[in-house]
Amino acid sequence: MNLSSHVQELRRKHQHLSEMVEQAQRSPAADDLHITALKKQKLQLKEQIERLGNA
């Protein structure tokens, strides 16, 4: 897998996590710990994308 396709895959995962966070926040039975974990994963992906984008 080359760098650009790897970054694309990371962006796809980041977008999917964004959608999951939005959906969880709209749910009346939302679990704050779960939402926080999703946001942390999303941030880690964003940082990785930025690192690779500057490489």
Protein backbone atom coordinates (compact mmCIF):
# COMPACT_ATOMS: atom_id res chain seq x y z
CA MET A 1 0.00 0.00 0.00
CA ASN A 2 1.52 3.32 -1.02
CA LEU A 3 1.43 6.44 1.14
CA SER A 4 -1.44 8.21 -0.62
CA SER A 5 -3.73 5.18 -0.49
CA HIS A 6 -2.84 4.69 3.18
CA VAL A 7 -3.73 8.33 3.93
CA GLN A 8 -7.00 7.90 1.98
CA GLU A 9 -7.86 4.86 4.08
CA LEU A 10 -7.13 6.78 7.28
CA ARG A 11 -9.38 9.63 6.08
CA ARG A 12 -12.15 7.13 5.32
CA LYS A 13 -11.86 5.70 8.84
CA HIS A 14 -11.83 9.23 10.30
CA GLN A 15 -15.04 10.08 8.42
CA HIS A 16 -16.67 6.86 9.59
CA LEU A 17 -15.79 7.69 13.19
CA SER A 18 -17.24 11.19 12.73
CA GLU A 19 -20.51 9.64 11.61
CA MET A 20 -20.49 7.23 14.55
CA VAL A 21 -19.91 10.10 17.01
CA GLU A 22 -22.75 12.14 15.50
CA GLN A 23 -25.09 9.17 15.62
CA ALA A 24 -24.17 8.35 19.22
CA GLN A 25 -24.65 11.96 20.30
CA ARG A 26 -28.16 11.97 18.81
CA SER A 27 -29.10 8.80 20.64
CA PRO A 28 -31.05 9.36 23.88
CA ALA A 29 -29.23 6.42 25.44
CA ALA A 30 -25.79 7.74 24.49
CA ASP A 31 -22.89 6.45 26.56
CA ASP A 32 -20.51 9.33 27.28
CA LEU A 33 -17.56 6.99 27.76
CA HIS A 34 -18.18 5.39 24.37
CA ILE A 35 -18.46 8.79 22.70
CA THR A 36 -15.24 9.93 24.37
CA ALA A 37 -13.44 6.79 23.17
CA LEU A 38 -14.67 7.37 19.60
CA LYS A 39 -13.50 10.98 19.72
CA LYS A 40 -10.09 9.88 20.99
CA GLN A 41 -9.74 7.39 18.12
CA LYS A 42 -10.80 10.11 15.69
CA LEU A 43 -8.16 12.49 17.07
CA GLN A 44 -5.45 9.83 16.83
CA LEU A 45 -6.34 9.22 13.18
CA LYS A 46 -6.30 12.96 12.48
CA GLU A 47 -2.83 13.29 14.02
CA GLN A 48 -1.58 10.33 12.01
CA ILE A 49 -3.02 11.79 8.79
CA GLU A 50 -1.33 15.12 9.50
CA ARG A 51 2.02 13.43 10.22
CA LEU A 52 1.86 11.42 7.01
CA GLY A 53 0.68 14.41 5.01
CA ASN A 54 3.79 16.33 6.04
CA ALA A 55 6.10 13.42 5.24
